[in-house]
Amino acid sequence: MKNRSMLQHILLFAAFSLALSLTGCYSGAATAGSKGAINGAEPRDARPEAVKEESPNQSSLPNAQRLVTEYNNRNFGSPGWRTVYLELVTDGSVTRTFTVINLWKKVGRETKTLFLLREPRGLSGTNYLLQEDSPDSKASDMKVYLFLPSGQRQVLEIAPSNFNEGLLGSDFTYTDLRMKLPVRDYSYRVIREAVLHNEPVWVLEAEPVSEAARRATSWAVAHFYLARNFQFMLGADYYASPEDVADSSRASKRMRVEKFEQREGVWTATRMNMFGPANRYSVLSLQDARFAVSDIDSAMFLASSLPSLADRIHQGWSPATSAKPPVR
């Protein structure tokens, strides 16, 4: 990030990551030229599903830290991979689409997730590595390494202050695609029960409590909607200030899982929307996925491996045919 051009590429790439990650995978993907994609697309519109509040019963609310711990320790199919399709929708029309290969692996307390851009072809090979609960991370509990196949082909470490930039111009950010809820320097409390997507949920309120955590996030308060009957997140609302929480319509961003299912014992989203400003939102859909895969090479999850992985992606490699691309 030593010049303006490089920074622009980084901020552009920042619009793409998963989820995925707080929750899982996605499915039912469209392809270029199909209904809902750029070529021949029909106007589309969507609104975040409203959360149906229930009367609070403080005596029955669970301990917030226990809830966070149980969610973070859930089975997310490690090691695993998925191919996802990202659509950017503005004023009801799809403006850009991307295909992303996503691999993840849990090693001890640390979780490592790879995001490898496959399409469009001109950006193929752009990738990044997200490390959660990294033992050598000081400014934040996560680290992000980015590789751009053009230019100097250097692996760059992203500053925590850029974690909440929109990935590839979408409404998803690096922090949206974590596998786990952040723990270090965050305060949690369960504020009530509710219903979302016809499922009972706990409303878990989060606040960053340190200056480092506040620099690494774009929100002051977040509400995470955790399913009460199984380990899964069905949605989230993000607020720029504590004063905005009193009026849910003032949320600066909203995530809603539109479709989800259980695959191989893993609860996963098959379609997820992230709503930004009133006229735009971003959609993640699953094309393919495998969980608890035995032959994913641990060497792939090193920052130094990003250049060779980019070359393999550019040559058409897919984990559907082999989970072990050569790592030079």
Protein backbone atom coordinates (compact mmCIF):
# COMPACT_ATOMS: atom_id res chain seq x y z
CA MET A 1 0.00 0.00 0.00
CA LYS A 2 2.80 2.39 -0.87
CA ASN A 3 1.01 4.22 -3.65
CA ARG A 4 -2.50 5.37 -4.49
CA SER A 5 -3.01 2.83 -7.26
CA MET A 6 -2.20 -0.08 -4.93
CA LEU A 7 -4.52 1.30 -2.24
CA GLN A 8 -7.36 1.58 -4.76
CA HIS A 9 -6.89 -2.07 -5.72
CA ILE A 10 -6.94 -3.08 -2.06
CA LEU A 11 -10.13 -1.17 -1.32
CA LEU A 12 -11.73 -2.62 -4.44
CA PHE A 13 -10.87 -6.14 -3.35
CA ALA A 14 -12.15 -5.44 0.09
CA ALA A 15 -15.69 -5.79 -1.17
CA PHE A 16 -15.73 -9.48 -1.67
CA SER A 17 -15.13 -11.80 1.16
CA LEU A 18 -18.14 -14.54 2.91
CA ALA A 19 -19.60 -14.58 5.67
CA LEU A 20 -19.37 -15.85 4.69
CA SER A 21 -18.03 -16.28 7.39
CA LEU A 22 -19.89 -15.41 10.36
CA THR A 23 -22.31 -18.04 9.21
CA GLY A 24 -21.20 -20.30 6.42
CA CYS A 25 -21.89 -21.12 2.78
CA TYR A 26 -24.30 -20.12 0.06
CA SER A 27 -26.22 -21.82 -2.76
CA GLY A 28 -28.64 -21.57 -5.67
CA ALA A 29 -26.22 -19.44 -7.66
CA ALA A 30 -27.07 -17.77 -10.95
CA THR A 31 -24.60 -17.75 -13.83
CA ALA A 32 -23.70 -14.93 -16.18
CA GLY A 33 -26.49 -14.51 -18.69
CA SER A 34 -29.11 -16.24 -16.57
CA LYS A 35 -32.09 -14.61 -14.93
CA GLY A 36 -30.83 -12.33 -12.19
CA ALA A 37 -27.33 -11.98 -13.63
CA ILE A 38 -25.98 -9.04 -15.60
CA ASN A 39 -26.87 -10.21 -19.11
CA GLY A 40 -30.62 -9.99 -19.62
CA ALA A 41 -31.22 -9.29 -15.94
CA GLU A 42 -34.70 -8.37 -14.83
CA PRO A 43 -35.18 -5.58 -12.26
CA ARG A 44 -34.94 -6.94 -8.73
CA ASP A 45 -35.84 -5.58 -5.37
CA ALA A 46 -35.38 -6.86 -1.84
CA ARG A 47 -35.87 -5.65 1.70
CA PRO A 48 -34.37 -7.01 4.92
CA GLU A 49 -36.81 -9.21 6.79
CA ALA A 50 -38.12 -7.53 9.90
CA VAL A 51 -37.25 -9.04 13.28
CA LYS A 52 -40.36 -9.95 15.25
CA GLU A 53 -39.74 -8.91 18.81
CA GLU A 54 -40.96 -10.97 21.74
CA SER A 55 -41.67 -9.73 25.24
CA PRO A 56 -38.42 -9.82 27.21
CA ASN A 57 -38.19 -12.40 29.97
CA GLN A 58 -34.95 -11.51 31.73
CA SER A 59 -35.02 -14.61 33.93
CA SER A 60 -34.82 -16.89 30.88
CA LEU A 61 -32.05 -15.08 28.96
CA PRO A 62 -28.79 -17.06 28.67
CA ASN A 63 -25.36 -15.81 29.70
CA ALA A 64 -23.90 -13.80 26.80
CA GLN A 65 -20.33 -15.08 27.10
CA ARG A 66 -21.54 -18.68 27.16
CA LEU A 67 -23.63 -18.00 24.06
CA VAL A 68 -20.63 -16.49 22.22
CA THR A 69 -18.38 -19.38 23.26
CA GLU A 70 -20.87 -22.01 22.10
CA TYR A 71 -21.36 -20.24 18.78
CA ASN A 72 -17.62 -19.89 18.17
CA ASN A 73 -17.07 -23.57 19.01
CA ARG A 74 -19.79 -24.78 16.65
CA ASN A 75 -19.08 -27.28 13.89
CA PHE A 76 -18.37 -25.28 10.72
CA GLY A 77 -16.99 -28.25 8.81
CA SER A 78 -13.27 -27.64 9.20
CA PRO A 79 -11.36 -28.20 7.02
CA GLY A 80 -13.69 -27.36 4.17
CA TRP A 81 -14.21 -25.45 0.94
CA ARG A 82 -16.99 -23.83 -1.04
CA THR A 83 -17.51 -21.94 -4.27
CA VAL A 84 -19.73 -18.88 -3.93
CA TYR A 85 -21.29 -16.39 -6.31
CA LEU A 86 -21.45 -12.70 -5.38
CA GLU A 87 -23.91 -10.30 -6.99
CA LEU A 88 -23.93 -6.53 -6.49
CA VAL A 89 -27.42 -5.05 -6.91
CA THR A 90 -28.09 -1.31 -7.29
CA ASP A 91 -31.51 0.20 -7.97
CA GLY A 92 -32.87 -3.31 -8.64
CA SER A 93 -30.26 -4.24 -11.27
CA VAL A 94 -27.25 -6.52 -10.96
CA THR A 95 -24.21 -4.36 -11.71
CA ARG A 96 -21.31 -6.77 -11.09
CA THR A 97 -20.78 -10.47 -10.36
CA PHE A 98 -17.87 -12.49 -8.96
CA THR A 99 -17.10 -16.16 -8.39
CA VAL A 100 -15.01 -16.93 -5.32
CA ILE A 101 -13.37 -20.13 -4.03
CA ASN A 102 -13.30 -20.22 -0.24
CA LEU A 103 -11.28 -22.67 1.91
CA TRP A 104 -10.95 -22.74 5.69
CA LYS A 105 -9.19 -24.71 8.39
CA LYS A 106 -9.09 -24.56 12.18
CA VAL A 107 -5.71 -25.18 13.81
CA GLY A 108 -5.89 -25.10 17.61
CA ARG A 109 -7.62 -21.84 18.56
CA GLU A 110 -6.72 -20.18 15.28
CA THR A 111 -9.01 -20.28 12.23
CA LYS A 112 -7.59 -19.55 8.76
CA THR A 113 -9.78 -18.76 5.76
CA LEU A 114 -8.71 -18.32 2.14
CA PHE A 115 -10.67 -16.28 -0.42
CA LEU A 116 -9.57 -16.90 -4.02
CA LEU A 117 -11.17 -14.86 -6.81
CA ARG A 118 -11.83 -16.99 -9.91
CA GLU A 119 -14.10 -14.77 -12.03
CA PRO A 120 -14.21 -12.34 -13.74
CA ARG A 121 -11.19 -13.55 -15.64
CA GLY A 122 -9.44 -10.19 -15.57
CA LEU A 123 -9.26 -10.28 -11.76
CA SER A 124 -8.65 -14.03 -11.46
CA GLY A 125 -5.90 -14.84 -8.96
CA THR A 126 -6.63 -11.97 -6.60
CA ASN A 127 -6.81 -13.54 -3.15
CA TYR A 128 -6.46 -13.04 0.57
CA LEU A 129 -5.92 -14.94 3.79
CA LEU A 130 -7.91 -14.10 6.96
CA GLN A 131 -6.56 -15.37 10.29
CA GLU A 132 -8.80 -15.26 13.37
CA ASP A 133 -7.45 -15.58 16.92
CA SER A 134 -3.97 -15.24 15.48
CA PRO A 135 -1.48 -15.69 18.37
CA ASP A 136 0.88 -12.98 17.06
CA SER A 137 -1.83 -10.38 16.36
CA LYS A 138 -1.59 -7.34 18.61
CA ALA A 139 -3.78 -4.55 17.17
CA SER A 140 -6.75 -6.88 16.55
CA ASP A 141 -7.73 -10.52 17.03
CA MET A 142 -7.53 -11.02 13.27
CA LYS A 143 -4.95 -10.53 10.51
CA VAL A 144 -5.52 -10.18 6.77
CA TYR A 145 -2.98 -10.74 3.97
CA LEU A 146 -3.80 -9.68 0.40
CA PHE A 147 -2.19 -10.69 -2.90
CA LEU A 148 -2.80 -8.95 -6.24
CA PRO A 149 -1.55 -10.91 -9.30
CA SER A 150 -0.67 -7.73 -11.19
CA GLY A 151 2.03 -5.18 -10.42
CA GLN A 152 4.81 -6.11 -7.99
CA ARG A 153 3.12 -9.38 -6.91
CA GLN A 154 3.73 -8.65 -3.25
CA VAL A 155 1.79 -10.10 -0.32
CA LEU A 156 0.45 -7.16 1.68
CA GLU A 157 -0.78 -7.12 5.27
CA ILE A 158 -3.99 -5.09 5.60
CA ALA A 159 -4.15 -2.57 8.45
CA PRO A 160 -7.03 -3.10 10.94
CA SER A 161 -8.38 0.35 9.99
CA ASN A 162 -9.17 -1.11 6.52
CA PHE A 163 -10.97 -4.24 7.75
CA ASN A 164 -14.36 -2.65 7.14
CA GLU A 165 -13.82 -1.45 3.59
CA GLY A 166 -16.35 -2.85 1.11
CA LEU A 167 -14.95 -5.91 -0.64
CA LEU A 168 -14.96 -5.67 -4.42
CA GLY A 169 -17.36 -2.74 -4.11
CA SER A 170 -19.95 -4.88 -2.27
CA ASP A 171 -21.60 -4.34 1.11
CA PHE A 172 -19.59 -7.21 2.66
CA THR A 173 -16.35 -6.46 4.50
CA TYR A 174 -13.45 -8.52 5.85
CA THR A 175 -15.04 -8.60 9.31
CA ASP A 176 -18.40 -9.74 7.89
CA LEU A 177 -16.76 -12.92 6.61
CA ARG A 178 -15.27 -14.16 9.83
CA MET A 179 -16.13 -17.66 10.99
CA LYS A 180 -16.45 -16.55 14.60
CA LEU A 181 -17.64 -13.60 16.64
CA PRO A 182 -14.78 -11.39 17.86
CA VAL A 183 -14.02 -11.77 21.55
CA ARG A 184 -11.01 -9.61 22.33
CA ASP A 185 -12.05 -6.03 23.26
CA TYR A 186 -15.78 -6.63 22.68
CA SER A 187 -18.62 -6.56 25.20
CA TYR A 188 -21.73 -8.73 24.77
CA ARG A 189 -25.13 -8.97 26.39
CA VAL A 190 -28.32 -10.86 25.51
CA ILE A 191 -31.07 -8.25 25.40
CA ARG A 192 -34.20 -10.19 24.39
CA GLU A 193 -35.83 -13.00 22.45
CA ALA A 194 -37.17 -12.57 18.92
CA VAL A 195 -38.20 -14.41 15.76
CA LEU A 196 -36.42 -14.19 12.40
CA HIS A 197 -37.09 -16.36 9.33
CA ASN A 198 -39.74 -18.17 11.39
CA GLU A 199 -37.03 -19.28 13.83
CA PRO A 200 -36.73 -18.22 17.50
CA VAL A 201 -33.51 -16.27 18.05
CA TRP A 202 -31.51 -14.65 20.82
CA VAL A 203 -30.74 -10.97 20.22
CA LEU A 204 -27.06 -10.62 21.13
CA GLU A 205 -25.85 -7.03 21.44
CA ALA A 206 -22.15 -6.32 20.83
CA GLU A 207 -20.02 -3.22 21.38
CA PRO A 208 -16.30 -2.63 20.74
CA VAL A 209 -14.81 -1.45 24.05
CA SER A 210 -11.23 -0.52 23.12
CA GLU A 211 -9.83 2.05 20.73
CA ALA A 212 -8.18 -0.70 18.66
CA ALA A 213 -11.50 -2.54 18.28
CA ARG A 214 -13.33 0.66 17.36
CA ARG A 215 -10.75 1.41 14.65
CA ALA A 216 -11.21 -2.09 13.22
CA THR A 217 -14.99 -1.84 12.89
CA SER A 218 -17.41 0.58 11.22
CA TRP A 219 -20.18 0.15 13.79
CA ALA A 220 -20.65 1.23 17.40
CA VAL A 221 -23.33 -1.35 18.25
CA ALA A 222 -24.36 -4.57 16.51
CA HIS A 223 -27.26 -6.93 17.06
CA PHE A 224 -26.57 -10.54 16.11
CA TYR A 225 -29.56 -12.88 15.76
CA LEU A 226 -28.47 -16.35 16.92
CA ALA A 227 -30.85 -19.28 16.44
CA ARG A 228 -32.04 -20.64 19.77
CA ASN A 229 -32.47 -24.24 18.63
CA PHE A 230 -29.19 -24.76 16.73
CA GLN A 231 -25.81 -23.04 16.30
CA PHE A 232 -26.36 -20.59 13.47
CA MET A 233 -26.61 -16.85 12.82
CA LEU A 234 -29.72 -15.79 10.89
CA GLY A 235 -29.04 -12.08 10.65
CA ALA A 236 -27.35 -8.98 12.02
CA ASP A 237 -28.05 -5.24 12.28
CA TYR A 238 -25.23 -2.69 12.56
CA TYR A 239 -25.58 0.79 14.05
CA ALA A 240 -23.20 3.72 13.65
CA SER A 241 -23.98 5.11 17.13
CA PRO A 242 -25.67 3.86 20.33
CA GLU A 243 -28.40 6.48 19.84
CA ASP A 244 -29.49 4.80 16.59
CA VAL A 245 -30.37 1.53 18.34
CA ALA A 246 -33.67 2.95 19.61
CA ASP A 247 -34.95 3.07 16.02
CA SER A 248 -34.22 -0.11 14.06
CA SER A 249 -34.78 1.70 10.75
CA ARG A 250 -31.58 3.67 11.42
CA ALA A 251 -29.33 0.61 11.11
CA SER A 252 -26.46 1.44 8.76
CA LYS A 253 -26.27 -2.12 7.43
CA ARG A 254 -28.30 -5.32 7.74
CA MET A 255 -27.44 -8.97 7.03
CA ARG A 256 -30.18 -11.52 6.46
CA VAL A 257 -29.84 -15.22 5.67
CA GLU A 258 -32.50 -15.82 3.04
CA LYS A 259 -32.04 -19.60 2.74
CA PHE A 260 -30.16 -22.12 4.86
CA GLU A 261 -29.85 -25.85 5.37
CA GLN A 262 -27.84 -28.54 7.15
CA ARG A 263 -25.22 -30.32 5.05
CA GLU A 264 -23.05 -33.11 6.40
CA GLY A 265 -23.97 -32.03 9.92
CA VAL A 266 -23.05 -28.38 9.26
CA TRP A 267 -25.62 -25.57 9.28
CA THR A 268 -24.89 -23.26 6.38
CA ALA A 269 -26.47 -20.36 4.52
CA THR A 270 -27.38 -21.09 0.93
CA ARG A 271 -28.32 -17.51 0.13
CA MET A 272 -27.41 -14.42 2.12
CA ASN A 273 -28.11 -10.70 1.59
CA MET A 274 -26.18 -7.75 2.97
CA PHE A 275 -28.16 -4.51 2.74
CA GLY A 276 -26.30 -1.22 2.60
CA PRO A 277 -27.83 2.11 1.56
CA ALA A 278 -31.50 2.06 0.52
CA ASN A 279 -30.81 1.53 -3.18
CA ARG A 280 -28.27 -1.30 -3.01
CA TYR A 281 -27.49 -4.69 -1.52
CA SER A 282 -25.14 -7.63 -2.10
CA VAL A 283 -26.08 -11.32 -2.47
CA LEU A 284 -23.91 -14.36 -1.72
CA SER A 285 -25.08 -17.71 -3.12
CA LEU A 286 -23.54 -21.17 -2.88
CA GLN A 287 -22.51 -23.10 -5.98
CA ASP A 288 -20.72 -26.05 -4.34
CA ALA A 289 -19.29 -27.02 -0.95
CA ARG A 290 -17.58 -29.85 0.95
CA PHE A 291 -17.04 -30.17 4.69
CA ALA A 292 -14.47 -32.05 6.80
CA VAL A 293 -12.23 -32.58 3.77
CA SER A 294 -9.16 -34.64 4.64
CA ASP A 295 -6.84 -33.65 1.79
CA ILE A 296 -6.62 -29.86 2.13
CA ASP A 297 -2.92 -29.03 2.38
CA SER A 298 -2.02 -26.95 5.46
CA ALA A 299 0.68 -25.19 3.43
CA MET A 300 -2.07 -23.46 1.45
CA PHE A 301 -2.96 -21.41 4.54
CA LEU A 302 0.34 -19.53 4.69
CA ALA A 303 0.61 -15.91 3.54
CA SER A 304 3.71 -16.90 1.53
CA SER A 305 1.58 -19.37 -0.50
CA LEU A 306 -0.81 -16.72 -1.86
CA PRO A 307 1.20 -16.01 -5.07
CA SER A 308 1.36 -19.67 -6.11
CA LEU A 309 -2.32 -20.17 -5.30
CA ALA A 310 -3.14 -17.16 -7.47
CA ASP A 311 -1.28 -18.76 -10.39
CA ARG A 312 -3.17 -22.03 -9.95
CA ILE A 313 -6.54 -20.27 -9.79
CA HIS A 314 -5.67 -18.33 -12.95
CA GLN A 315 -4.92 -21.66 -14.65
CA GLY A 316 -8.38 -22.97 -13.73
CA TRP A 317 -7.69 -25.02 -10.57
CA SER A 318 -10.76 -25.91 -8.48
CA PRO A 319 -11.02 -27.80 -5.17
CA ALA A 320 -13.87 -29.79 -6.71
CA THR A 321 -11.26 -31.69 -8.72
CA SER A 322 -8.33 -31.52 -6.29
CA ALA A 323 -7.96 -29.97 -2.84
CA LYS A 324 -4.15 -29.93 -3.16
CA PRO A 325 -2.91 -27.51 -5.80
CA PRO A 326 0.91 -27.41 -6.00
CA VAL A 327 2.32 -24.85 -3.56
CA ARG A 328 5.72 -23.65 -4.65
